[in-house]
Amino acid sequence: MAALDFDGDGKMDLAVVASQDDSGNACSPARTNSGAVHVFRGQDGGGLATTPSFTYWGEQASQLLRYSARLAT
């Protein structure tokens, strides 16, 4: 997990790595266990969005994104 202002709106956002998530990856079984990073935007008055505002899925099967997720600041 990482808490940063990813979208520059002045509110802290949260990125959560789900190493084996491929539920939203519509590509094919060839990407099973590619992993995902889900970004939840910070809300006015505190708290976080209840659904991810952005999701990045790994590019390779069995990538298990936890090992290769990098956050650029």
PDB file of N, CA and C in Angstrom:
ATOM      1  N   MET A   1       0.839  -1.170   0.000  1.00  0.00           N
ATOM      2  CA  MET A   1       0.000   0.000   0.000  1.00  0.00           C
ATOM      3  C   MET A   1       0.888   1.237   0.000  1.00  0.00           C
ATOM      4  N   ALA A   2       0.356   2.294  -0.586  1.00  0.00           N
ATOM      5  CA  ALA A   2       1.042   3.577  -0.570  1.00  0.00           C
ATOM      6  C   ALA A   2       0.000   4.677  -0.538  1.00  0.00           C
ATOM      7  N   ALA A   3       0.232   5.660   0.320  1.00  0.00           N
ATOM      8  CA  ALA A   3      -0.671   6.806   0.402  1.00  0.00           C
ATOM      9  C   ALA A   3       0.067   8.031  -0.122  1.00  0.00           C
ATOM     10  N   LEU A   4      -0.419   8.573  -1.210  1.00  0.00           N
ATOM     11  CA  LEU A   4       0.145   9.762  -1.847  1.00  0.00           C
ATOM     12  C   LEU A   4      -0.991  10.526  -2.512  1.00  0.00           C
ATOM     13  N   ASP A   5      -0.702  11.746  -2.923  1.00  0.00           N
ATOM     14  CA  ASP A   5      -1.679  12.502  -3.712  1.00  0.00           C
ATOM     15  C   ASP A   5      -1.399  12.199  -5.180  1.00  0.00           C
ATOM     16  N   PHE A   6      -1.915  11.074  -5.671  1.00  0.00           N
ATOM     17  CA  PHE A   6      -1.627  10.612  -7.031  1.00  0.00           C
ATOM     18  C   PHE A   6      -2.180  11.533  -8.106  1.00  0.00           C
ATOM     19  N   ASP A   7      -3.331  12.156  -7.838  1.00  0.00           N
ATOM     20  CA  ASP A   7      -3.977  12.954  -8.886  1.00  0.00           C
ATOM     21  C   ASP A   7      -3.794  14.463  -8.716  1.00  0.00           C
ATOM     22  N   GLY A   8      -3.020  14.891  -7.733  1.00  0.00           N
ATOM     23  CA  GLY A   8      -2.688  16.301  -7.574  1.00  0.00           C
ATOM     24  C   GLY A   8      -3.816  17.196  -7.098  1.00  0.00           C
ATOM     25  N   ASP A   9      -4.852  16.623  -6.467  1.00  0.00           N
ATOM     26  CA  ASP A   9      -5.984  17.438  -6.019  1.00  0.00           C
ATOM     27  C   ASP A   9      -5.860  17.903  -4.570  1.00  0.00           C
ATOM     28  N   GLY A  10      -4.726  17.612  -3.930  1.00  0.00           N
ATOM     29  CA  GLY A  10      -4.509  18.030  -2.553  1.00  0.00           C
ATOM     30  C   GLY A  10      -5.048  17.069  -1.515  1.00  0.00           C
ATOM     31  N   LYS A  11      -5.632  15.948  -1.941  1.00  0.00           N
ATOM     32  CA  LYS A  11      -6.168  14.938  -1.022  1.00  0.00           C
ATOM     33  C   LYS A  11      -5.348  13.665  -1.153  1.00  0.00           C
ATOM     34  N   MET A  12      -5.112  13.024  -0.022  1.00  0.00           N
ATOM     35  CA  MET A  12      -4.345  11.780  -0.043  1.00  0.00           C
ATOM     36  C   MET A  12      -5.174  10.663  -0.690  1.00  0.00           C
ATOM     37  N   ASP A  13      -4.535   9.925  -1.582  1.00  0.00           N
ATOM     38  CA  ASP A  13      -5.138   8.776  -2.248  1.00  0.00           C
ATOM     39  C   ASP A  13      -4.424   7.528  -1.747  1.00  0.00           C
ATOM     40  N   LEU A  14      -5.008   6.383  -1.999  1.00  0.00           N
ATOM     41  CA  LEU A  14      -4.423   5.132  -1.543  1.00  0.00           C
ATOM     42  C   LEU A  14      -4.297   4.156  -2.703  1.00  0.00           C
ATOM     43  N   ALA A  15      -3.086   3.619  -2.883  1.00  0.00           N
ATOM     44  CA  ALA A  15      -2.847   2.575  -3.884  1.00  0.00           C
ATOM     45  C   ALA A  15      -2.687   1.249  -3.141  1.00  0.00           C
ATOM     46  N   VAL A  16      -3.440   0.247  -3.581  1.00  0.00           N
ATOM     47  CA  VAL A  16      -3.417  -1.066  -2.941  1.00  0.00           C
ATOM     48  C   VAL A  16      -3.008  -2.102  -3.981  1.00  0.00           C
ATOM     49  N   VAL A  17      -1.973  -2.874  -3.661  1.00  0.00           N
ATOM     50  CA  VAL A  17      -1.511  -3.928  -4.558  1.00  0.00           C
ATOM     51  C   VAL A  17      -2.245  -5.218  -4.219  1.00  0.00           C
ATOM     52  N   ALA A  18      -2.832  -5.842  -5.224  1.00  0.00           N
ATOM     53  CA  ALA A  18      -3.487  -7.146  -5.090  1.00  0.00           C
ATOM     54  C   ALA A  18      -2.715  -8.101  -5.991  1.00  0.00           C
ATOM     55  N   SER A  19      -1.783  -8.811  -5.418  1.00  0.00           N
ATOM     56  CA  SER A  19      -0.777  -9.540  -6.195  1.00  0.00           C
ATOM     57  C   SER A  19      -1.327 -10.593  -7.149  1.00  0.00           C
ATOM     58  N   GLN A  20      -2.460 -11.210  -6.835  1.00  0.00           N
ATOM     59  CA  GLN A  20      -2.982 -12.257  -7.704  1.00  0.00           C
ATOM     60  C   GLN A  20      -4.290 -11.873  -8.383  1.00  0.00           C
ATOM     61  N   ASP A  21      -4.671 -10.609  -8.301  1.00  0.00           N
ATOM     62  CA  ASP A  21      -5.949 -10.165  -8.863  1.00  0.00           C
ATOM     63  C   ASP A  21      -5.892 -10.137 -10.380  1.00  0.00           C
ATOM     64  N   ASP A  22      -6.781 -10.871 -10.990  1.00  0.00           N
ATOM     65  CA  ASP A  22      -6.925 -10.801 -12.447  1.00  0.00           C
ATOM     66  C   ASP A  22      -8.414 -10.762 -12.793  1.00  0.00           C
ATOM     67  N   SER A  23      -9.237 -10.401 -11.792  1.00  0.00           N
ATOM     68  CA  SER A  23     -10.690 -10.435 -11.973  1.00  0.00           C
ATOM     69  C   SER A  23     -11.187  -9.443 -13.018  1.00  0.00           C
ATOM     70  N   GLY A  24     -10.546  -8.322 -13.155  1.00  0.00           N
ATOM     71  CA  GLY A  24     -11.002  -7.337 -14.122  1.00  0.00           C
ATOM     72  C   GLY A  24     -10.218  -7.368 -15.404  1.00  0.00           C
ATOM     73  N   ASN A  25      -9.278  -8.279 -15.502  1.00  0.00           N
ATOM     74  CA  ASN A  25      -8.419  -8.361 -16.668  1.00  0.00           C
ATOM     75  C   ASN A  25      -9.129  -9.190 -17.727  1.00  0.00           C
ATOM     76  N   ALA A  26      -9.702  -8.529 -18.715  1.00  0.00           N
ATOM     77  CA  ALA A  26     -10.507  -9.209 -19.729  1.00  0.00           C
ATOM     78  C   ALA A  26      -9.674  -9.796 -20.859  1.00  0.00           C
ATOM     79  N   CYS A  27      -8.374  -9.766 -20.720  1.00  0.00           N
ATOM     80  CA  CYS A  27      -7.520 -10.206 -21.832  1.00  0.00           C
ATOM     81  C   CYS A  27      -7.644 -11.697 -22.112  1.00  0.00           C
ATOM     82  N   SER A  28      -7.336 -12.536 -21.139  1.00  0.00           N
ATOM     83  CA  SER A  28      -7.427 -13.976 -21.347  1.00  0.00           C
ATOM     84  C   SER A  28      -6.807 -14.694 -20.164  1.00  0.00           C
ATOM     85  N   PRO A  29      -6.974 -16.015 -20.090  1.00  0.00           N
ATOM     86  CA  PRO A  29      -6.308 -16.782 -19.036  1.00  0.00           C
ATOM     87  C   PRO A  29      -4.787 -16.715 -19.147  1.00  0.00           C
ATOM     88  N   ALA A  30      -4.291 -16.240 -20.270  1.00  0.00           N
ATOM     89  CA  ALA A  30      -2.843 -16.119 -20.434  1.00  0.00           C
ATOM     90  C   ALA A  30      -2.250 -15.112 -19.460  1.00  0.00           C
ATOM     91  N   ARG A  31      -3.118 -14.342 -18.793  1.00  0.00           N
ATOM     92  CA  ARG A  31      -2.634 -13.368 -17.816  1.00  0.00           C
ATOM     93  C   ARG A  31      -3.072 -13.718 -16.398  1.00  0.00           C
ATOM     94  N   THR A  32      -3.349 -14.962 -16.121  1.00  0.00           N
ATOM     95  CA  THR A  32      -3.750 -15.394 -14.792  1.00  0.00           C
ATOM     96  C   THR A  32      -2.688 -14.998 -13.773  1.00  0.00           C
ATOM     97  N   ASN A  33      -3.142 -14.483 -12.633  1.00  0.00           N
ATOM     98  CA  ASN A  33      -2.270 -14.049 -11.541  1.00  0.00           C
ATOM     99  C   ASN A  33      -1.296 -12.954 -11.957  1.00  0.00           C
ATOM    100  N   SER A  34      -1.740 -12.086 -12.858  1.00  0.00           N
ATOM    101  CA  SER A  34      -0.872 -10.976 -13.258  1.00  0.00           C
ATOM    102  C   SER A  34      -0.803  -9.905 -12.177  1.00  0.00           C
ATOM    103  N   GLY A  35      -1.812  -9.833 -11.330  1.00  0.00           N
ATOM    104  CA  GLY A  35      -1.830  -8.856 -10.253  1.00  0.00           C
ATOM    105  C   GLY A  35      -2.422  -7.532 -10.695  1.00  0.00           C
ATOM    106  N   ALA A  36      -2.693  -6.668  -9.709  1.00  0.00           N
ATOM    107  CA  ALA A  36      -3.287  -5.372 -10.000  1.00  0.00           C
ATOM    108  C   ALA A  36      -2.906  -4.367  -8.925  1.00  0.00           C
ATOM    109  N   VAL A  37      -2.947  -3.094  -9.301  1.00  0.00           N
ATOM    110  CA  VAL A  37      -2.831  -1.992  -8.351  1.00  0.00           C
ATOM    111  C   VAL A  37      -4.113  -1.188  -8.474  1.00  0.00           C
ATOM    112  N   HIS A  38      -4.830  -1.045  -7.372  1.00  0.00           N
ATOM    113  CA  HIS A  38      -6.078  -0.294  -7.341  1.00  0.00           C
ATOM    114  C   HIS A  38      -5.825   1.036  -6.628  1.00  0.00           C
ATOM    115  N   VAL A  39      -6.207   2.147  -7.253  1.00  0.00           N
ATOM    116  CA  VAL A  39      -6.030   3.467  -6.654  1.00  0.00           C
ATOM    117  C   VAL A  39      -7.397   4.015  -6.234  1.00  0.00           C
ATOM    118  N   PHE A  40      -7.518   4.326  -4.954  1.00  0.00           N
ATOM    119  CA  PHE A  40      -8.731   4.896  -4.381  1.00  0.00           C
ATOM    120  C   PHE A  40      -8.481   6.375  -4.107  1.00  0.00           C
ATOM    121  N   ARG A  41      -9.297   7.250  -4.662  1.00  0.00           N
ATOM    122  CA  ARG A  41      -9.120   8.692  -4.486  1.00  0.00           C
ATOM    123  C   ARG A  41      -9.603   9.155  -3.118  1.00  0.00           C
ATOM    124  N   GLY A  42      -8.869  10.135  -2.578  1.00  0.00           N
ATOM    125  CA  GLY A  42      -9.296  10.790  -1.350  1.00  0.00           C
ATOM    126  C   GLY A  42     -10.530  11.629  -1.607  1.00  0.00           C
ATOM    127  N   GLN A  43     -11.401  11.724  -0.595  1.00  0.00           N
ATOM    128  CA  GLN A  43     -12.670  12.439  -0.726  1.00  0.00           C
ATOM    129  C   GLN A  43     -12.655  13.735   0.083  1.00  0.00           C
ATOM    130  N   ASP A  44     -13.507  14.689  -0.295  1.00  0.00           N
ATOM    131  CA  ASP A  44     -13.678  15.906   0.493  1.00  0.00           C
ATOM    132  C   ASP A  44     -14.105  15.516   1.896  1.00  0.00           C
ATOM    133  N   GLY A  45     -13.522  16.146   2.889  1.00  0.00           N
ATOM    134  CA  GLY A  45     -13.888  15.857   4.273  1.00  0.00           C
ATOM    135  C   GLY A  45     -13.215  14.611   4.830  1.00  0.00           C
ATOM    136  N   GLY A  46     -12.289  14.018   4.091  1.00  0.00           N
ATOM    137  CA  GLY A  46     -11.588  12.823   4.550  1.00  0.00           C
ATOM    138  C   GLY A  46     -12.195  11.553   3.990  1.00  0.00           C
ATOM    139  N   GLY A  47     -11.570  10.457   4.257  1.00  0.00           N
ATOM    140  CA  GLY A  47     -12.037   9.169   3.753  1.00  0.00           C
ATOM    141  C   GLY A  47     -11.593   8.915   2.319  1.00  0.00           C
ATOM    142  N   LEU A  48     -11.964   7.767   1.828  1.00  0.00           N
ATOM    143  CA  LEU A  48     -11.583   7.328   0.493  1.00  0.00           C
ATOM    144  C   LEU A  48     -12.802   6.896  -0.296  1.00  0.00           C
ATOM    145  N   ALA A  49     -12.682   6.934  -1.611  1.00  0.00           N
ATOM    146  CA  ALA A  49     -13.728   6.399  -2.475  1.00  0.00           C
ATOM    147  C   ALA A  49     -13.913   4.920  -2.150  1.00  0.00           C
ATOM    148  N   THR A  50     -15.118   4.418  -2.315  1.00  0.00           N
ATOM    149  CA  THR A  50     -15.393   3.013  -1.983  1.00  0.00           C
ATOM    150  C   THR A  50     -15.068   2.068  -3.133  1.00  0.00           C
ATOM    151  N   THR A  51     -14.872   2.606  -4.321  1.00  0.00           N
ATOM    152  CA  THR A  51     -14.446   1.801  -5.463  1.00  0.00           C
ATOM    153  C   THR A  51     -13.199   2.442  -6.058  1.00  0.00           C
ATOM    154  N   PRO A  52     -12.334   1.649  -6.675  1.00  0.00           N
ATOM    155  CA  PRO A  52     -11.118   2.229  -7.243  1.00  0.00           C
ATOM    156  C   PRO A  52     -11.440   3.215  -8.365  1.00  0.00           C
ATOM    157  N   SER A  53     -10.694   4.297  -8.388  1.00  0.00           N
ATOM    158  CA  SER A  53     -10.821   5.282  -9.456  1.00  0.00           C
ATOM    159  C   SER A  53      -9.988   4.873 -10.659  1.00  0.00           C
ATOM    160  N   PHE A  54      -8.986   4.046 -10.431  1.00  0.00           N
ATOM    161  CA  PHE A  54      -8.096   3.583 -11.485  1.00  0.00           C
ATOM    162  C   PHE A  54      -7.531   2.237 -11.073  1.00  0.00           C
ATOM    163  N   THR A  55      -7.392   1.332 -12.019  1.00  0.00           N
ATOM    164  CA  THR A  55      -6.759   0.041 -11.766  1.00  0.00           C
ATOM    165  C   THR A  55      -5.769  -0.254 -12.878  1.00  0.00           C
ATOM    166  N   TYR A  56      -4.584  -0.689 -12.488  1.00  0.00           N
ATOM    167  CA  TYR A  56      -3.566  -1.130 -13.443  1.00  0.00           C
ATOM    168  C   TYR A  56      -3.363  -2.625 -13.240  1.00  0.00           C
ATOM    169  N   TRP A  57      -3.521  -3.407 -14.294  1.00  0.00           N
ATOM    170  CA  TRP A  57      -3.274  -4.848 -14.210  1.00  0.00           C
ATOM    171  C   TRP A  57      -1.904  -5.160 -14.774  1.00  0.00           C
ATOM    172  N   GLY A  58      -1.241  -6.143 -14.183  1.00  0.00           N
ATOM    173  CA  GLY A  58       0.061  -6.578 -14.671  1.00  0.00           C
ATOM    174  C   GLY A  58      -0.022  -7.066 -16.109  1.00  0.00           C
ATOM    175  N   GLU A  59       1.089  -7.017 -16.778  1.00  0.00           N
ATOM    176  CA  GLU A  59       1.128  -7.335 -18.200  1.00  0.00           C
ATOM    177  C   GLU A  59       1.417  -8.797 -18.511  1.00  0.00           C
ATOM    178  N   GLN A  60       1.884  -9.563 -17.522  1.00  0.00           N
ATOM    179  CA  GLN A  60       2.283 -10.940 -17.789  1.00  0.00           C
ATOM    180  C   GLN A  60       1.613 -11.903 -16.812  1.00  0.00           C
ATOM    181  N   ALA A  61       1.332 -13.106 -17.291  1.00  0.00           N
ATOM    182  CA  ALA A  61       0.790 -14.147 -16.411  1.00  0.00           C
ATOM    183  C   ALA A  61       1.778 -14.436 -15.290  1.00  0.00           C
ATOM    184  N   SER A  62       1.255 -14.725 -14.127  1.00  0.00           N
ATOM    185  CA  SER A  62       2.048 -15.060 -12.940  1.00  0.00           C
ATOM    186  C   SER A  62       3.044 -13.976 -12.564  1.00  0.00           C
ATOM    187  N   GLN A  63       2.780 -12.759 -12.988  1.00  0.00           N
ATOM    188  CA  GLN A  63       3.668 -11.648 -12.639  1.00  0.00           C
ATOM    189  C   GLN A  63       3.603 -11.359 -11.147  1.00  0.00           C
ATOM    190  N   LEU A  64       2.456 -11.643 -10.523  1.00  0.00           N
ATOM    191  CA  LEU A  64       2.264 -11.365  -9.100  1.00  0.00           C
ATOM    192  C   LEU A  64       2.779  -9.960  -8.792  1.00  0.00           C
ATOM    193  N   LEU A  65       2.074  -8.991  -9.249  1.00  0.00           N
ATOM    194  CA  LEU A  65       2.488  -7.597  -9.296  1.00  0.00           C
ATOM    195  C   LEU A  65       3.185  -7.093  -8.042  1.00  0.00           C
ATOM    196  N   ARG A  66       2.984  -7.733  -6.911  1.00  0.00           N
ATOM    197  CA  ARG A  66       3.606  -7.239  -5.676  1.00  0.00           C
ATOM    198  C   ARG A  66       5.119  -7.145  -5.801  1.00  0.00           C
ATOM    199  N   TYR A  67       5.714  -7.986  -6.642  1.00  0.00           N
ATOM    200  CA  TYR A  67       7.153  -7.982  -6.776  1.00  0.00           C
ATOM    201  C   TYR A  67       7.668  -6.913  -7.727  1.00  0.00           C
ATOM    202  N   SER A  68       6.771  -6.350  -8.545  1.00  0.00           N
ATOM    203  CA  SER A  68       7.255  -5.395  -9.534  1.00  0.00           C
ATOM    204  C   SER A  68       6.545  -4.041  -9.485  1.00  0.00           C
ATOM    205  N   ALA A  69       5.652  -3.859  -8.512  1.00  0.00           N
ATOM    206  CA  ALA A  69       4.952  -2.568  -8.432  1.00  0.00           C
ATOM    207  C   ALA A  69       5.929  -1.494  -7.984  1.00  0.00           C
ATOM    208  N   ARG A  70       5.961  -0.414  -8.728  1.00  0.00           N
ATOM    209  CA  ARG A  70       6.808   0.714  -8.398  1.00  0.00           C
ATOM    210  C   ARG A  70       5.973   1.973  -8.493  1.00  0.00           C
ATOM    211  N   LEU A  71       6.118   2.846  -7.518  1.00  0.00           N
ATOM    212  CA  LEU A  71       5.372   4.096  -7.522  1.00  0.00           C
ATOM    213  C   LEU A  71       6.341   5.228  -7.781  1.00  0.00           C
ATOM    214  N   ALA A  72       6.064   6.020  -8.793  1.00  0.00           N
ATOM    215  CA  ALA A  72       6.920   7.168  -9.104  1.00  0.00           C
ATOM    216  C   ALA A  72       6.337   8.409  -8.449  1.00  0.00           C
ATOM    217  N   THR A  73       7.183   9.149  -7.762  1.00  0.00           N
ATOM    218  CA  THR A  73       6.721  10.396  -7.130  1.00  0.00           C
ATOM    219  C   THR A  73       7.467  11.567  -7.708  1.00  0.00           C
TER     220      THR A  73
END
